[in-house]
Amino acid sequence: MVIVLWDGEATARDGRPYRNTYTWYFRMKDDQVIEAIAFLDMSKFTELWTRVSHS
């Protein structure tokens, strides 16, 4: 199992910042990913999606 915790930051298409924290879990077998699960703050993502899908 490989666990990655990271903070992402970018400028969205509307010119405003987007920041979120992610945790990705990778189950490995023979040096290959066989399962991946990701967690993030969906309220921040939904707010971003709502902003940029209408611009």
Protein backbone atom coordinates (compact mmCIF):
# COMPACT_ATOMS: atom_id res chain seq x y z
CA MET A 1 0.00 0.00 0.00
CA VAL A 2 1.31 3.41 -0.98
CA ILE A 3 -0.35 6.46 0.61
CA VAL A 4 0.12 9.94 -0.80
CA LEU A 5 -1.06 13.06 1.07
CA TRP A 6 -0.68 16.33 -0.81
CA ASP A 7 -1.99 19.87 -1.10
CA GLY A 8 -2.94 21.11 -4.55
CA GLU A 9 -3.25 24.71 -5.63
CA ALA A 10 -4.05 26.22 -9.03
CA THR A 11 -5.74 29.14 -10.70
CA ALA A 12 -9.09 28.15 -12.15
CA ARG A 13 -10.45 29.29 -15.52
CA ASP A 14 -12.34 32.09 -13.77
CA GLY A 15 -9.04 33.49 -12.45
CA ARG A 16 -9.76 32.57 -8.83
CA PRO A 17 -7.64 30.19 -6.77
CA TYR A 18 -8.54 26.57 -6.09
CA ARG A 19 -6.93 24.79 -3.16
CA ASN A 20 -7.62 21.33 -1.83
CA THR A 21 -5.96 18.56 0.14
CA TYR A 22 -5.91 15.06 -1.31
CA THR A 23 -5.13 11.60 0.00
CA TRP A 24 -4.55 8.85 -2.53
CA TYR A 25 -4.24 5.19 -1.58
CA PHE A 26 -2.65 2.82 -4.06
CA ARG A 27 -2.75 -0.94 -3.57
CA MET A 28 0.24 -2.40 -5.36
CA LYS A 29 1.07 -5.84 -6.73
CA ASP A 30 4.18 -6.72 -8.72
CA ASP A 31 5.12 -3.01 -8.97
CA GLN A 32 1.76 -2.08 -10.50
CA VAL A 33 -1.26 -0.28 -9.11
CA ILE A 34 -4.15 -2.71 -8.83
CA GLU A 35 -6.52 -0.42 -6.91
CA ALA A 36 -6.65 3.32 -6.30
CA ILE A 37 -8.83 5.30 -3.91
CA ALA A 38 -8.79 9.10 -3.59
CA PHE A 39 -10.19 11.37 -0.90
CA LEU A 40 -10.66 15.14 -1.11
CA ASP A 41 -12.83 17.89 0.31
CA MET A 42 -15.82 17.61 -1.99
CA SER A 43 -17.35 20.90 -0.82
CA LYS A 44 -14.29 22.74 -2.17
CA PHE A 45 -14.40 20.76 -5.41
CA THR A 46 -18.16 21.33 -5.84
CA GLU A 47 -17.68 25.06 -5.31
CA LEU A 48 -14.96 25.09 -7.98
CA TRP A 49 -17.04 23.02 -10.41
CA THR A 50 -20.04 25.29 -9.94
CA ARG A 51 -17.91 28.39 -10.63
CA VAL A 52 -16.05 27.18 -13.71
CA SER A 53 -18.83 25.19 -15.38
CA HIS A 54 -20.81 28.42 -15.77
CA SER A 55 -17.95 30.59 -17.01
